Protein backbone atom coordinates (compact mmCIF):
# COMPACT_ATOMS: atom_id res chain seq x y z
CA MET A 1 0.00 0.00 0.00
CA LYS A 2 2.84 2.36 0.85
CA ARG A 3 4.45 1.73 -2.55
CA ASN A 4 1.23 2.39 -4.48
CA THR A 5 0.54 5.51 -2.47
CA ALA A 6 4.02 6.78 -3.33
CA LEU A 7 3.39 6.08 -7.00
CA LEU A 8 0.08 7.91 -6.83
CA PHE A 9 1.66 10.92 -5.20
CA SER A 10 4.53 10.94 -7.69
CA VAL A 11 2.08 11.13 -10.58
CA ILE A 12 0.09 13.85 -8.82
CA ALA A 13 3.32 15.74 -8.17
CA SER A 14 4.14 15.69 -11.86
CA LEU A 15 0.76 17.27 -12.49
CA MET A 16 1.19 19.83 -9.76
CA PHE A 17 4.39 21.18 -11.26
CA SER A 18 3.18 21.28 -14.84
CA PRO A 19 2.82 24.78 -16.34
CA LEU A 20 -0.96 24.52 -16.36
CA SER A 21 -1.08 23.58 -12.71
CA LEU A 22 0.74 26.77 -11.78
CA ALA A 23 -2.03 28.71 -13.45
CA GLN A 24 -4.58 26.83 -11.35
CA ASP A 25 -2.99 27.42 -7.96
CA LYS A 26 -5.97 29.48 -6.85
CA ALA A 27 -8.39 26.57 -7.18
CA ASN A 28 -9.86 26.19 -3.69
CA THR A 29 -13.19 24.37 -3.87
CA ASN A 30 -13.50 20.70 -4.77
CA ALA A 31 -15.29 21.63 -7.98
CA GLU A 32 -12.47 23.99 -8.93
CA LYS A 33 -9.88 21.34 -8.13
CA LEU A 34 -11.68 18.75 -10.24
CA ASP A 35 -11.83 21.19 -13.13
CA ALA A 36 -8.14 21.93 -12.71
CA ILE A 37 -7.26 18.22 -12.66
CA HIS A 38 -9.33 17.68 -15.80
CA ASP A 39 -7.43 20.47 -17.55
CA MET A 40 -4.07 19.12 -16.39
CA LEU A 41 -4.83 15.63 -17.65
CA ALA A 42 -6.16 17.00 -20.93
CA SER A 43 -2.81 18.72 -21.39
CA ASN A 44 -0.86 15.64 -20.23
CA PRO A 45 -2.76 12.60 -21.61
CA SER A 46 0.16 10.24 -21.01
CA LEU A 47 -0.51 10.56 -17.28
CA ILE A 48 -4.12 9.42 -17.45
CA ASP A 49 -3.55 5.65 -17.38
CA PRO A 50 -0.92 5.57 -14.60
CA LEU A 51 -2.90 8.03 -12.49
CA TYR A 52 -6.12 6.08 -12.96
CA ASN A 53 -4.51 2.71 -12.19
CA ASN A 54 -2.72 3.95 -9.09
CA LEU A 55 -5.78 5.81 -7.85
CA LEU A 56 -7.92 2.70 -8.35
CA THR A 57 -5.40 0.56 -6.47
CA TYR A 58 -5.21 3.11 -3.66
CA VAL A 59 -9.00 3.30 -3.30
CA ASN A 60 -9.37 -0.50 -3.33
CA GLN A 61 -6.67 -0.94 -0.69
CA HIS A 62 -8.19 1.78 1.46
CA GLN A 63 -11.60 0.10 1.25
CA HIS A 64 -10.06 -3.28 2.10
CA LEU A 65 -8.26 -1.80 5.10
CA SER A 66 -11.49 -0.21 6.34
CA GLN A 67 -13.28 -3.56 6.03
CA MET A 68 -10.54 -5.41 7.91
CA LEU A 69 -10.43 -2.82 10.68
CA GLU A 70 -14.17 -3.19 11.12
CA LYS A 71 -13.85 -6.99 11.12
CA TYR A 72 -11.12 -7.01 13.78
CA HIS A 73 -12.32 -4.01 15.79
CA ASP A 74 -13.49 -5.88 18.88
CA TYR A 75 -10.59 -8.34 18.70
CA ILE A 76 -8.19 -5.41 18.89
CA TYR A 77 -9.91 -2.87 21.12
CA ASN A 78 -12.26 -4.90 23.34
CA ASN A 79 -10.15 -7.97 23.96
CA PRO A 80 -8.88 -8.52 27.52
CA GLU A 81 -6.37 -11.06 26.18
CA GLN A 82 -4.35 -8.35 24.43
CA PRO A 83 -1.81 -6.69 26.75
CA TYR A 84 -1.87 -2.94 27.14
CA PHE A 85 -0.36 -0.12 29.17
CA GLY A 86 -1.49 3.41 29.83
CA ALA A 87 -4.97 4.75 30.54
CA LYS A 88 -7.76 2.19 30.69
CA ASP A 89 -10.34 4.67 29.38
CA ALA A 90 -8.13 6.63 27.03
CA LYS A 91 -8.97 9.44 24.63
CA LEU A 92 -6.62 7.90 22.09
CA THR A 93 -5.50 4.30 21.59
CA ILE A 94 -2.30 3.32 19.82
CA VAL A 95 -2.06 -0.27 18.60
CA ALA A 96 1.48 -1.58 18.25
CA LEU A 97 1.94 -4.59 15.98
CA THR A 98 5.15 -5.77 17.53
CA ASP A 99 7.65 -8.60 17.93
CA LEU A 100 9.79 -8.93 21.05
CA SER A 101 12.61 -10.28 18.86
CA CYS A 102 12.47 -7.40 16.38
CA PRO A 103 15.23 -4.76 16.83
CA TRP A 104 13.11 -1.87 15.56
CA CYS A 105 10.20 -2.96 17.77
CA LYS A 106 12.57 -2.83 20.75
CA LYS A 107 13.53 0.69 19.70
CA LEU A 108 9.90 1.78 19.33
CA ASP A 109 8.78 0.43 22.72
CA PRO A 110 10.47 3.14 24.85
CA VAL A 111 9.07 5.79 22.52
CA LEU A 112 5.55 4.52 23.23
CA HIS A 113 6.24 4.36 26.96
CA ARG A 114 7.53 7.93 26.91
CA ILE A 115 4.38 9.14 25.19
CA VAL A 116 2.19 7.31 27.71
CA LYS A 117 4.23 8.77 30.58
CA GLU A 118 3.63 12.26 29.21
CA HIS A 119 -0.09 11.59 28.68
CA PRO A 120 -0.96 9.13 31.48
CA ASP A 121 -4.70 9.85 31.42
CA GLU A 122 -5.11 10.16 27.67
CA ILE A 123 -3.11 7.44 25.90
CA LYS A 124 -3.45 3.67 25.84
CA VAL A 125 -1.08 1.35 23.97
CA ILE A 126 -2.22 -2.15 23.02
CA ASN A 127 0.54 -4.61 22.16
CA ILE A 128 -0.42 -7.06 19.41
CA TYR A 129 2.33 -9.67 19.40
CA VAL A 130 3.31 -11.10 16.03
CA PRO A 131 6.39 -13.28 16.68
CA LEU A 132 7.67 -13.36 13.10
CA LYS A 133 11.22 -14.23 14.13
CA GLU A 134 10.14 -17.05 16.46
CA TYR A 135 7.08 -18.34 14.66
CA SER A 136 8.44 -21.90 14.33
CA SER A 137 8.80 -22.17 18.11
CA ARG A 138 5.67 -23.07 20.07
CA THR A 139 7.12 -21.58 23.24
CA ASN A 140 8.31 -18.11 22.33
CA SER A 141 8.57 -14.58 23.69
CA ALA A 142 5.03 -13.71 22.58
CA THR A 143 3.35 -16.71 24.21
CA TYR A 144 5.35 -16.07 27.39
CA ALA A 145 4.26 -12.41 27.45
CA LEU A 146 0.64 -13.39 26.85
CA ASN A 147 0.80 -15.99 29.62
CA ILE A 148 2.20 -13.36 31.98
CA TRP A 149 -0.51 -10.88 31.02
CA LYS A 150 -3.23 -13.40 31.78
CA GLY A 151 -1.76 -15.14 34.82
CA ALA A 152 0.41 -12.50 36.48
CA PRO A 153 -0.45 -9.07 35.02
CA GLU A 154 1.36 -7.32 37.87
CA LYS A 155 4.60 -8.71 36.43
CA TYR A 156 3.88 -7.73 32.83
CA GLU A 157 5.64 -4.35 32.77
CA GLU A 158 8.81 -5.74 34.32
CA VAL A 159 8.84 -8.78 32.05
CA SER A 160 8.17 -6.69 28.97
CA GLU A 161 10.96 -4.25 29.82
CA LEU A 162 13.47 -7.07 30.30
CA MET A 163 12.40 -8.79 27.09
CA VAL A 164 12.75 -5.57 25.13
CA SER A 165 16.16 -4.77 26.64
CA LYS A 166 17.70 -8.02 25.38
CA PRO A 167 19.38 -7.46 21.97
CA GLY A 168 18.63 -9.83 19.12
CA VAL A 169 16.24 -12.73 18.75
CA HIS A 170 14.86 -14.49 21.80
CA ASN A 171 15.18 -18.21 22.40
CA LEU A 172 14.18 -20.48 25.24
CA ARG A 173 17.39 -19.67 27.10
CA SER A 174 16.84 -15.89 27.02
CA ILE A 175 13.17 -16.29 27.93
CA MET A 176 14.05 -18.48 30.91
CA LYS A 177 16.61 -15.90 32.04
CA VAL A 178 13.88 -13.26 32.23
CA ALA A 179 11.47 -15.72 33.84
CA LYS A 180 13.95 -16.59 36.58
CA ALA A 181 14.71 -12.92 37.21
CA THR A 182 11.00 -12.19 37.64
CA ASP A 183 10.02 -15.41 39.40
CA SER A 184 7.70 -16.40 36.56
CA THR A 185 9.14 -19.64 35.17
CA GLU A 186 5.73 -21.32 35.44
CA TYR A 187 4.54 -19.15 32.54
CA VAL A 188 7.18 -20.40 30.12
CA THR A 189 4.89 -23.08 28.76
CA THR A 190 3.32 -24.21 25.51
CA ASN A 191 -0.12 -22.77 26.07
CA GLU A 192 -2.69 -23.53 23.37
CA GLU A 193 -4.71 -20.44 24.20
CA ALA A 194 -1.67 -18.18 23.77
CA LEU A 195 -0.80 -19.96 20.52
CA GLN A 196 -4.31 -19.35 19.21
CA ILE A 197 -3.94 -15.65 19.98
CA THR A 198 -0.59 -15.36 18.18
CA ASP A 199 -2.01 -17.31 15.23
CA LYS A 200 -4.98 -14.95 14.99
CA ASN A 201 -2.69 -11.95 15.45
CA TYR A 202 -0.67 -13.17 12.48
CA GLN A 203 -3.80 -13.69 10.38
CA MET A 204 -4.96 -10.18 11.20
CA PHE A 205 -1.48 -8.87 10.43
CA GLN A 206 -1.74 -10.37 6.94
CA ASP A 207 -5.35 -9.28 6.40
CA LEU A 208 -4.39 -5.69 7.21
CA GLY A 209 -1.70 -5.87 4.55
CA VAL A 210 1.15 -5.17 6.97
CA GLN A 211 4.53 -6.24 5.61
CA GLY A 212 6.64 -6.29 8.77
CA THR A 213 7.08 -5.19 12.35
CA PRO A 214 6.82 -2.77 13.93
CA ALA A 215 3.68 -1.11 12.66
CA ILE A 216 1.40 1.34 14.43
CA LEU A 217 -2.36 1.50 14.05
CA ILE A 218 -3.69 4.88 15.10
CA ASP A 219 -6.83 6.78 14.18
CA GLY A 220 -7.67 4.26 11.46
CA GLN A 221 -4.25 4.56 9.83
CA ILE A 222 -1.46 2.00 9.65
CA ILE A 223 2.02 3.47 9.92
CA PRO A 224 4.68 0.92 8.96
CA GLY A 225 8.10 0.81 10.55
CA TYR A 226 9.80 2.64 13.38
CA MET A 227 8.65 6.16 14.19
CA PRO A 228 10.87 8.53 16.19
CA TYR A 229 9.48 10.25 19.26
CA GLU A 230 9.39 13.75 17.75
CA LYS A 231 7.34 12.66 14.74
CA LEU A 232 4.96 10.36 16.61
CA ASN A 233 4.43 12.80 19.47
CA SER A 234 3.58 15.57 17.02
CA MET A 235 0.88 13.35 15.52
CA ILE A 236 -0.38 12.42 18.99
CA GLU A 237 -0.63 16.06 20.04
CA GLU A 238 -2.69 16.90 16.96
CA LEU A 239 -5.05 13.95 17.47
CA LEU A 240 -5.53 14.76 21.16
CA ALA A 241 -6.29 18.38 20.29
CA GLU A 242 -8.92 17.21 17.80
CA ALA A 243 -10.44 14.92 20.44
CA LYS A 244 -11.07 17.79 22.87
């Protein structure tokens, strides 16, 4: 989706900087803009097909995303099995599609915690674990975290912080190290319920068209990849202002 959006914008940009577009820079209403676009395309017919195809792809993908978000809405936002931190009744919810073995996910996690710390009564972060790097292992960092969330939620923050702080991919040895440090070895088990959650998380991950972790779902938009604090916080501030 990101690639097609970029293609769409590149074609639009070529129209924007055409000589005719400069003459239409005062078009303000939608009707005026449509007329201006018509004139631009009439003067640049070679752009019609690529613009149409990319616009059609963009619209179809946007519609598909909207359908999938509606389908998974309760699974994401009203599911006590999904771990979260921050305000229980938040003005704004950030959904992190994350992997405890993903280096960029580990880098994003403290950014999200910083934002929650600065907006303790307004922001909630839901962690959707998609253990891409450990998917072949039935006992992995995601199932361990889910077991902790369900069986010992008071330990979740500490466990999560230790799991994130470990560089590289987790294995049973690294998971057990965290479990021993937090007195939670009983939760390092092959739990069918946790496996079902990670399987459904992965299915949702694919249905949403996400290509990798991390990804952020916020205000109906999916933002792929790592996002630095300054950029994400700016977006958060705008959304919170709109929510007031």
